Every structure is written in structure tokens, then in C-alpha cells.
Amino acid sequence: MNLRRFLGCYYAYLFLFDFILCYAIYTALFELRGLSFTQIGALLAFWSLSAIVLELPSGALSDRFDRRWLLVAAPLAKLFTFVCWGMADGNVWLYGLGFLCWSVGQALISGTGEALVYERLEAEGRTVDYDKVNGRATAAESLGIAAGTLLGGFVAAANGMEVTVWLSIPPLLLCALLALTLRDSRQEAEAEAEVRPSYLENFHIAFREFRTLPELRFVTLYIAVGLILFEVLEEFDQLYYLAVGLPIWLFGVVGAAILGAFALASTLAHRLARHPALAWALPLVGGLLLFVASFGTHPAYVLVLELAYLLVVPATVLSEARFQRLIEGRSRATTTSALSVAQNVTGILITFGFGLLAEYVGILPAYGWAGLLMLPVAFWVWQAQRSGVRALD
């Protein structure tokens, strides 16, 4: 398969993996099936913690074995989420088992996909294109989520929430079939397969890279401590919408529209490469927009909030591309999984911290204080760049 067809199949794979109708309603489904807020919170916490535990072991599996088979297994594991939920009927343990299946599927794809694509570009002598490819991959994911959420809302309204659960399964079956075409470029050379690191050795290689490459540590902190804030805040946006009086019927429309804008921004992000100053400038402006959004008195302020998120998309895409270029060893998926672990850990801490802050000062002021946190982050990145350490190429 030539590179163009390979990448087309990969983008379609990512779209199908997140084309999940159930995204639109699952927390509401839990409540309507009798789960308390405490139980729902515990389920979401369990989901995050299980993802952290599974991330690194799955990355090492990807470096040890054929990446294609992990990409086949990922959607198959995820579809059991919706089998469990479709049968649960209020059973909190089955909902928890479903989240565990989701974590397994997400862990199998995390790190594996990025490594597979980077190594294929490397084999073709095209690693310079990874910014563009990573942007399009992020766009495919965003479009999958947007399309699934938008369609899921209509299906749930017309046919009931349970239907969206069962209709989330067919795209994942198609996704698994498509993964069969995504050949691992490492399989092209039998000699390479013979010297592939053992399972445990992958952990040592990844640890050594973080220990010996200061710029890799810097980019990891930039993504997992700085940029992660914007991703976490999105989880609270429905509370922001309520606070500024956005009509409920617009929630899904706004969500789909911003994901479409994310997809466009991700696709165009590579055009901003070679401008390292954007590493501090984009989060800084995004933080200032969050501060402005905290004074919201009208639904129009939602546009300010979403613009803050949109501005940070190119920084995320380009920094992830730089992360891949900095990796030197043969355990690319394990090293990438370590980045995901860092994001999940800080994401949980920021989620709890922001929730407590919102409880104390109110949801709108909390966005303002979160935005002000970008001031020291931007100063830190600016100072690092002056000493020759860059988060973007």
C-alpha cells in the first residue's frame, strides 16, 4: 500500500474509532438509570485511573509486537463498553466494566498509532511531513467525535438513549477491519524484528530517553502541565453555558461546531511551523481570552471561550510533532505512552482543583483564574526559548 492510501486508511480508522453516538448522552443515561452523582463521579474517576494504569504496559506491547494487531484489538475492546452498557440497566458494576473496556481500547491505540505513522513516514524519508499528518489525524478524531455526538443527540431524541448505545458498535467493527490494512513498517525488515527490544527493555529505553534528553522532558511538561489546562476546562463548559444563559438546544450545535473548527485548525497547524514563539504566545492569548470569558453576561461570550480553545490547537499539534522527532530510541510507543500518563495524571489533579475552585468562587470566576495561570506558563516557555530550549520546531 502506498503512503497516500495508508494515511487515508489511518485517518478513516481514527474517525471511526471516535464516531460514537453514545458520546452525546452517556452521563445522562447513567442518571436516568438510577445512578447517583456520587456513583457517576466514581465511574469517571475509575475510568481515568484505569487509563493511567494501562497506558505504559500497552505502549510496551506495541513496541514489542506488530502494531497493526494492537490497532485491530483497540476498537474490539472498546465495543464491549457498549455491550456492557446496553445490558447494564442500572447495574453500576456493568457500567464500570464498560469503562474498563474503554480504557483498554484507548490504551492500545495511544502511542501505537503515532509510532506506526511516524515510522512509516521515516521509512519513506518523509518525517518532515509529520506536522501535517498529525494535524490531519487530530482533525479526523475531532470530526468523528463531532459527527457521533451530533447524530447521537438526534437518535436519542427520536428513538431513545439505549439505541445510541447499540448503534455505537458497528463503527468500531468497521474500524477493526480497516486496521488490518495498516501494516507495521517494522515488519518489512526481518533483521529489525530480530533485534526488537524485549517487553521490559522498552520501559528502560523510554526511561533513559526522558533521563538523557532535556528537551524531551521540556516538551512533555509543556504539553502535560501547560496545554492540558485547556483540555480539562472543556469538561466544565456545559456549566459555563448555563451560567451565561446559552439555550439548551444550542449545546449540541456549539459542541459540534467547535469540534469542526478544531479539525480545521488541526489541519492547518503545520503552516505555522518554524515559528517557535507561538509556543508561549498562543497559550498566553488563550489564557487572556479565558479571563475575558469569565466576565460573561451574555451567551455571546461562549464565542470568546471557544476561541481560547481554538487558539491553542496549533500549539498542541506542533508540540506533539516535536515530541515524536525528539525520540531517539526504538521504544517509540512506550515513550509516547509516558506522555499520555503524564497528561492523565495532571488532568485528574487539574479537574479536582478547578472543581474546588469553582465551588468556592463560582464557575465564571474560576475560568478567569485558570486563564491567569497561563501568564507564568508563557513566561517559563519564553525563558526556556531564550536559553535555546524549544517546545515547537
Protein backbone atom coordinates (compact mmCIF):
# COMPACT_ATOMS: atom_id res chain seq x y z
CA MET A 1 0.00 0.00 0.00
CA ASN A 2 1.42 3.40 -0.97
CA LEU A 3 1.79 6.15 1.61
CA ARG A 4 -1.22 8.16 0.46
CA ARG A 5 -3.60 5.21 0.78
CA PHE A 6 -2.02 4.20 4.09
CA LEU A 7 -2.64 7.64 5.57
CA GLY A 8 -6.18 7.75 4.16
CA CYS A 9 -6.95 4.45 5.90
CA TYR A 10 -5.38 5.73 9.12
CA TYR A 11 -7.48 8.90 9.11
CA ALA A 12 -10.62 6.85 8.45
CA TYR A 13 -9.63 4.50 11.29
CA LEU A 14 -9.35 7.42 13.73
CA PHE A 15 -12.67 8.85 12.57
CA LEU A 16 -14.49 5.55 13.10
CA PHE A 17 -12.83 4.94 16.47
CA ASP A 18 -14.49 8.09 17.80
CA PHE A 19 -17.68 8.06 15.70
CA ILE A 20 -19.65 7.04 18.79
CA LEU A 21 -23.29 8.05 19.04
CA CYS A 22 -23.31 7.30 22.75
CA TYR A 23 -20.92 10.21 23.39
CA ALA A 24 -23.93 12.52 23.25
CA ILE A 25 -25.84 11.04 26.17
CA TYR A 26 -23.93 8.56 28.33
CA THR A 27 -23.71 10.55 31.57
CA ALA A 28 -27.39 11.47 31.24
CA LEU A 29 -28.14 7.78 30.63
CA PHE A 30 -26.43 6.83 33.88
CA GLU A 31 -28.53 9.30 35.85
CA LEU A 32 -31.77 8.20 34.20
CA ARG A 33 -30.96 4.57 35.01
CA GLY A 34 -30.79 5.42 38.71
CA LEU A 35 -27.12 6.14 39.38
CA SER A 36 -26.36 8.86 41.91
CA PHE A 37 -24.00 11.75 41.22
CA THR A 38 -21.51 10.09 43.56
CA GLN A 39 -21.64 6.85 41.59
CA ILE A 40 -21.24 8.71 38.29
CA GLY A 41 -18.26 10.61 39.66
CA ALA A 42 -16.72 7.38 40.92
CA LEU A 43 -17.17 5.78 37.49
CA LEU A 44 -15.46 8.70 35.75
CA ALA A 45 -12.60 8.63 38.28
CA PHE A 46 -12.23 4.87 37.78
CA TRP A 47 -12.13 5.44 34.02
CA SER A 48 -9.26 7.92 34.36
CA LEU A 49 -7.30 5.81 36.82
CA SER A 50 -7.62 2.63 34.77
CA ALA A 51 -6.40 4.54 31.71
CA ILE A 52 -3.29 5.62 33.63
CA VAL A 53 -2.55 2.08 34.83
CA LEU A 54 -2.95 0.54 31.36
CA GLU A 55 -1.13 3.19 29.32
CA LEU A 56 2.54 2.24 29.72
CA PRO A 57 2.05 -1.57 29.59
CA SER A 58 0.14 -1.23 26.33
CA GLY A 59 2.84 1.03 24.88
CA ALA A 60 5.48 -1.59 25.65
CA LEU A 61 3.29 -4.25 23.99
CA SER A 62 3.15 -2.07 20.89
CA ASP A 63 6.94 -1.76 20.77
CA ARG A 64 7.39 -5.50 21.27
CA PHE A 65 4.76 -6.84 18.83
CA ASP A 66 3.18 -5.95 15.49
CA ARG A 67 1.46 -2.58 15.95
CA ARG A 68 -1.26 -3.49 13.46
CA TRP A 69 -2.74 -6.16 15.73
CA LEU A 70 -2.97 -3.74 18.63
CA LEU A 71 -4.88 -1.36 16.37
CA VAL A 72 -7.23 -4.21 15.47
CA ALA A 73 -7.74 -5.08 19.13
CA ALA A 74 -8.36 -1.47 20.27
CA PRO A 75 -11.83 -0.95 18.70
CA LEU A 76 -12.83 -4.53 19.56
CA ALA A 77 -12.07 -3.85 23.23
CA LYS A 78 -13.89 -0.53 23.08
CA LEU A 79 -17.07 -2.01 21.55
CA PHE A 80 -17.50 -4.20 24.64
CA THR A 81 -18.04 -0.92 26.51
CA PHE A 82 -21.37 -0.53 24.74
CA VAL A 83 -22.27 -4.20 25.05
CA CYS A 84 -21.88 -3.86 28.82
CA TRP A 85 -23.82 -0.60 28.94
CA GLY A 86 -26.57 -1.92 26.71
CA MET A 87 -27.10 -4.80 29.14
CA ALA A 88 -26.49 -2.87 32.39
CA ASP A 89 -29.97 -1.41 33.05
CA GLY A 90 -28.74 0.48 36.11
CA ASN A 91 -26.08 -2.01 37.27
CA VAL A 92 -23.15 0.18 38.31
CA TRP A 93 -20.70 -2.72 38.08
CA LEU A 94 -21.51 -3.32 34.42
CA TYR A 95 -21.09 0.38 33.71
CA GLY A 96 -17.70 0.18 35.44
CA LEU A 97 -16.73 -2.88 33.39
CA GLY A 98 -17.69 -0.91 30.29
CA PHE A 99 -15.36 1.91 31.28
CA LEU A 100 -12.56 -0.61 31.83
CA CYS A 101 -13.08 -1.95 28.28
CA TRP A 102 -12.96 1.63 27.01
CA SER A 103 -9.68 2.23 28.86
CA VAL A 104 -8.18 -0.94 27.38
CA GLY A 105 -9.15 0.14 23.87
CA GLN A 106 -7.84 3.68 24.35
CA ALA A 107 -4.58 2.43 25.85
CA LEU A 108 -4.00 0.08 22.91
CA ILE A 109 -4.32 2.88 20.37
CA SER A 110 -2.49 5.53 22.40
CA GLY A 111 1.15 5.67 21.38
CA THR A 112 0.66 2.85 18.88
CA GLY A 113 -0.94 5.00 16.20
CA GLU A 114 1.58 7.82 16.48
CA ALA A 115 4.51 5.39 16.38
CA LEU A 116 3.10 3.46 13.42
CA VAL A 117 2.64 6.61 11.34
CA TYR A 118 5.96 8.23 12.27
CA GLU A 119 7.87 5.06 11.43
CA ARG A 120 6.07 4.75 8.10
CA LEU A 121 6.99 8.35 7.25
CA GLU A 122 10.54 7.62 8.38
CA ALA A 123 10.71 4.60 6.08
CA GLU A 124 9.58 6.84 3.20
CA GLY A 125 12.00 9.65 4.12
CA ARG A 126 9.06 11.96 4.87
CA THR A 127 9.33 12.73 8.59
CA VAL A 128 9.28 16.43 7.73
CA ASP A 129 5.58 15.92 6.92
CA TYR A 130 4.67 14.66 10.37
CA ASP A 131 3.31 18.08 11.45
CA LYS A 132 0.81 17.95 8.59
CA VAL A 133 -0.07 14.29 9.16
CA ASN A 134 -0.51 14.74 12.91
CA GLY A 135 -2.78 17.72 12.29
CA ARG A 136 -4.96 15.73 9.91
CA ALA A 137 -5.07 12.83 12.35
CA THR A 138 -6.25 15.15 15.13
CA ALA A 139 -8.82 16.57 12.71
CA ALA A 140 -10.12 13.08 11.91
CA GLU A 141 -10.62 12.38 15.61
CA SER A 142 -12.40 15.69 16.16
CA LEU A 143 -14.69 15.14 13.20
CA GLY A 144 -15.52 11.63 14.42
CA ILE A 145 -16.48 12.92 17.86
CA ALA A 146 -18.46 15.81 16.39
CA ALA A 147 -20.38 13.65 13.93
CA GLY A 148 -21.12 10.97 16.54
CA THR A 149 -22.23 13.50 19.14
CA LEU A 150 -24.45 15.42 16.72
CA LEU A 151 -26.09 12.30 15.27
CA GLY A 152 -26.34 10.67 18.69
CA GLY A 153 -28.37 13.56 20.06
CA PHE A 154 -30.92 13.28 17.27
CA VAL A 155 -31.11 9.47 17.52
CA ALA A 156 -31.57 9.61 21.29
CA ALA A 157 -34.36 12.18 20.95
CA ALA A 158 -36.16 10.19 18.25
CA ASN A 159 -35.57 6.58 19.32
CA GLY A 160 -34.36 6.57 22.92
CA MET A 161 -30.97 6.59 24.60
CA GLU A 162 -30.49 2.81 24.51
CA VAL A 163 -30.48 2.87 20.71
CA THR A 164 -27.45 5.17 20.66
CA VAL A 165 -25.61 2.68 22.86
CA TRP A 166 -26.13 -0.24 20.45
CA LEU A 167 -25.52 1.89 17.35
CA SER A 168 -22.08 2.78 18.73
CA ILE A 169 -20.90 -0.77 17.99
CA PRO A 170 -20.99 -1.02 14.13
CA PRO A 171 -18.45 1.80 13.52
CA LEU A 172 -16.00 0.05 15.83
CA LEU A 173 -16.37 -3.21 13.91
CA LEU A 174 -15.59 -1.35 10.68
CA CYS A 175 -12.68 0.31 12.46
CA ALA A 176 -11.17 -3.07 13.40
CA LEU A 177 -11.49 -4.32 9.81
CA LEU A 178 -9.80 -1.18 8.49
CA ALA A 179 -6.89 -1.67 10.90
CA LEU A 180 -5.97 -4.87 9.03
CA THR A 181 -4.68 -2.67 6.19
CA LEU A 182 -2.33 -0.65 8.44
CA ARG A 183 0.88 -2.61 8.02
CA ASP A 184 3.63 -2.09 10.59
CA SER A 185 6.67 -0.83 8.64
CA ARG A 186 8.98 -2.65 11.05
CA GLN A 187 7.74 -5.92 9.58
CA GLU A 188 9.33 -5.00 6.25
CA ALA A 189 12.80 -5.87 7.57
CA GLU A 190 13.23 -9.26 9.23
CA ALA A 191 16.57 -8.19 10.66
CA GLU A 192 14.86 -5.36 12.54
CA ALA A 193 12.35 -7.80 14.03
CA GLU A 194 15.17 -9.97 15.36
CA VAL A 195 16.72 -7.16 17.42
CA ARG A 196 13.48 -5.64 18.65
CA PRO A 197 13.69 -4.86 22.39
CA SER A 198 12.07 -7.23 24.85
CA TYR A 199 8.88 -6.16 26.62
CA LEU A 200 10.61 -4.98 29.82
CA GLU A 201 13.52 -3.44 27.91
CA ASN A 202 11.08 -0.96 26.33
CA PHE A 203 10.47 0.59 29.75
CA HIS A 204 14.22 1.01 30.28
CA ILE A 205 14.68 2.65 26.87
CA ALA A 206 11.80 5.09 27.45
CA PHE A 207 13.11 5.98 30.93
CA ARG A 208 16.60 6.54 29.52
CA GLU A 209 15.26 8.90 26.87
CA PHE A 210 13.49 11.07 29.42
CA ARG A 211 16.59 11.00 31.63
CA THR A 212 19.10 11.95 28.93
CA LEU A 213 17.07 14.30 26.69
CA PRO A 214 16.27 17.60 28.46
CA GLU A 215 14.22 18.91 25.53
CA LEU A 216 12.04 15.80 25.61
CA ARG A 217 11.31 16.47 29.28
CA PHE A 218 10.60 20.12 28.49
CA VAL A 219 8.11 19.33 25.71
CA THR A 220 6.44 16.73 27.92
CA LEU A 221 5.95 19.28 30.71
CA TYR A 222 4.77 21.87 28.19
CA ILE A 223 2.02 19.56 26.92
CA ALA A 224 1.12 17.76 30.13
CA VAL A 225 1.27 20.71 32.54
CA GLY A 226 0.64 23.77 30.35
CA LEU A 227 -1.62 22.89 27.43
CA ILE A 228 -3.60 20.25 29.32
CA LEU A 229 -5.45 23.02 31.17
CA PHE A 230 -7.47 23.90 28.08
CA GLU A 231 -8.45 20.28 27.53
CA VAL A 232 -9.59 19.90 31.14
CA LEU A 233 -11.68 23.07 31.10
CA GLU A 234 -13.75 21.74 28.19
CA GLU A 235 -15.24 19.19 30.59
CA PHE A 236 -16.85 22.06 32.53
CA ASP A 237 -18.12 24.02 29.53
CA GLN A 238 -21.75 22.96 29.89
CA LEU A 239 -21.72 24.64 33.32
CA TYR A 240 -20.33 27.77 31.66
CA TYR A 241 -23.11 27.65 29.04
CA LEU A 242 -25.72 27.53 31.78
CA ALA A 243 -24.10 30.43 33.64
CA VAL A 244 -24.19 32.75 30.60
CA GLY A 245 -27.69 31.66 29.58
CA LEU A 246 -26.98 29.68 26.42
CA PRO A 247 -30.19 27.87 25.40
CA ILE A 248 -30.03 24.10 25.98
CA TRP A 249 -30.92 23.35 22.36
CA LEU A 250 -27.70 25.07 21.28
CA PHE A 251 -25.40 22.94 23.45
CA GLY A 252 -25.00 20.17 20.86
CA VAL A 253 -24.75 22.62 17.99
CA VAL A 254 -21.99 24.58 19.71
CA GLY A 255 -20.16 21.37 20.59
CA ALA A 256 -20.25 20.06 17.02
CA ALA A 257 -19.30 23.45 15.59
CA ILE A 258 -16.25 23.87 17.81
CA LEU A 259 -15.07 20.34 17.05
CA GLY A 260 -15.36 21.14 13.36
CA ALA A 261 -13.30 24.29 13.93
CA PHE A 262 -10.75 22.21 15.87
CA ALA A 263 -10.49 19.87 12.89
CA LEU A 264 -9.81 22.78 10.53
CA ALA A 265 -7.26 24.33 12.89
CA SER A 266 -5.50 20.96 13.28
CA THR A 267 -5.32 20.51 9.52
CA LEU A 268 -3.79 23.95 9.01
CA ALA A 269 -1.46 23.85 12.05
CA HIS A 270 1.56 22.71 10.00
CA ARG A 271 1.54 26.08 8.20
CA LEU A 272 2.59 27.70 11.47
CA ALA A 273 5.65 25.50 11.87
CA ARG A 274 9.02 27.23 12.21
CA HIS A 275 7.51 29.89 14.48
CA PRO A 276 8.70 28.74 17.94
CA ALA A 277 7.46 31.93 19.61
CA LEU A 278 3.92 30.61 19.19
CA ALA A 279 4.71 28.10 21.96
CA TRP A 280 4.32 30.89 24.53
CA ALA A 281 2.21 33.37 22.56
CA LEU A 282 -0.75 31.09 21.79
CA PRO A 283 -1.31 29.83 25.38
CA LEU A 284 -0.83 33.40 26.65
CA VAL A 285 -3.53 34.82 24.35
CA GLY A 286 -5.72 31.79 25.08
CA GLY A 287 -5.39 32.46 28.80
CA LEU A 288 -6.28 36.12 28.36
CA LEU A 289 -9.40 35.11 26.42
CA LEU A 290 -10.38 32.79 29.27
CA PHE A 291 -10.02 35.77 31.59
CA VAL A 292 -12.29 37.86 29.36
CA ALA A 293 -14.79 34.98 29.14
CA SER A 294 -15.02 34.92 32.94
CA PHE A 295 -16.92 38.23 32.79
CA GLY A 296 -19.62 36.63 30.65
CA THR A 297 -23.09 38.14 30.97
CA HIS A 298 -24.50 37.02 27.62
CA PRO A 299 -24.45 33.81 25.51
CA ALA A 300 -22.17 35.60 23.01
CA TYR A 301 -19.32 35.17 25.50
CA VAL A 302 -19.32 31.48 24.53
CA LEU A 303 -17.57 32.58 21.34
CA VAL A 304 -14.76 34.09 23.41
CA LEU A 305 -14.40 30.89 25.41
CA GLU A 306 -14.29 28.67 22.34
CA LEU A 307 -11.80 30.98 20.63
CA ALA A 308 -9.46 30.49 23.60
CA TYR A 309 -9.52 26.73 22.99
CA LEU A 310 -9.16 27.13 19.24
CA LEU A 311 -6.01 29.24 19.51
CA VAL A 312 -4.19 26.51 21.44
CA VAL A 313 -4.88 23.75 18.88
CA PRO A 314 -1.85 24.56 16.65
CA ALA A 315 0.45 24.62 19.68
CA THR A 316 -0.80 21.17 20.68
CA VAL A 317 -0.39 19.67 17.20
CA LEU A 318 3.08 21.12 16.64
CA SER A 319 4.41 20.26 20.10
CA GLU A 320 3.24 16.66 19.73
CA ALA A 321 5.08 16.51 16.41
CA ARG A 322 8.24 17.86 18.05
CA PHE A 323 7.89 15.24 20.78
CA GLN A 324 7.98 12.48 18.14
CA ARG A 325 11.04 13.99 16.43
CA LEU A 326 12.95 14.17 19.71
CA ILE A 327 12.54 10.45 20.44
CA GLU A 328 15.75 8.62 19.60
CA GLY A 329 15.25 5.01 20.74
CA ARG A 330 13.30 2.05 19.40
CA SER A 331 10.57 2.19 22.04
CA ARG A 332 8.58 5.00 20.45
CA ALA A 333 5.13 3.80 21.58
CA THR A 334 6.25 3.32 25.19
CA THR A 335 7.78 6.81 25.31
CA THR A 336 4.64 8.31 23.78
CA SER A 337 2.52 6.44 26.31
CA ALA A 338 4.57 8.02 29.09
CA LEU A 339 3.44 11.42 27.77
CA SER A 340 -0.18 10.22 27.91
CA VAL A 341 0.29 9.08 31.50
CA ALA A 342 1.64 12.50 32.45
CA GLN A 343 -1.36 14.15 30.76
CA ASN A 344 -3.83 11.90 32.57
CA VAL A 345 -2.24 12.42 35.98
CA THR A 346 -2.11 16.21 35.72
CA GLY A 347 -5.54 16.19 34.09
CA ILE A 348 -7.07 14.50 37.14
CA LEU A 349 -5.35 16.94 39.51
CA ILE A 350 -6.47 19.97 37.49
CA THR A 351 -10.02 18.61 37.24
CA PHE A 352 -10.31 18.30 41.01
CA GLY A 353 -8.59 21.63 41.57
CA PHE A 354 -10.80 23.51 39.14
CA GLY A 355 -13.91 21.87 40.59
CA LEU A 356 -12.94 23.01 44.09
CA LEU A 357 -12.13 26.50 42.83
CA ALA A 358 -15.49 26.76 41.05
CA GLU A 359 -17.24 25.60 44.22
CA TYR A 360 -15.51 28.34 46.18
CA VAL A 361 -15.55 31.36 43.80
CA GLY A 362 -18.18 30.38 41.21
CA ILE A 363 -17.90 28.83 37.76
CA LEU A 364 -17.29 32.06 35.81
CA PRO A 365 -14.52 33.49 38.05
CA ALA A 366 -12.87 30.05 38.05
CA TYR A 367 -12.34 30.34 34.29
CA GLY A 368 -10.69 33.71 34.85
CA TRP A 369 -8.26 32.39 37.46
CA ALA A 370 -7.47 29.41 35.20
CA GLY A 371 -6.67 31.81 32.37
CA LEU A 372 -4.28 33.80 34.55
CA LEU A 373 -2.28 30.59 35.12
CA MET A 374 -1.11 30.92 31.52
CA LEU A 375 0.93 34.00 32.46
CA PRO A 376 3.62 32.05 34.36
CA VAL A 377 3.43 29.22 31.81
CA ALA A 378 4.09 31.63 28.94
CA PHE A 379 6.95 33.30 30.87
CA TRP A 380 8.51 29.88 31.58
CA VAL A 381 8.38 28.89 27.90
CA TRP A 382 9.73 32.28 26.82
CA GLN A 383 12.64 31.97 29.23
CA ALA A 384 13.39 28.43 28.05
CA GLN A 385 13.44 29.56 24.42
CA ARG A 386 15.94 32.30 25.26
CA SER A 387 18.26 29.55 26.56
CA GLY A 388 17.79 27.52 23.37
CA VAL A 389 15.13 25.00 24.50
CA ARG A 390 12.07 24.90 22.25
CA ALA A 391 8.61 23.37 22.55
CA LEU A 392 7.90 23.84 18.82
CA ASP A 393 10.12 23.34 15.77
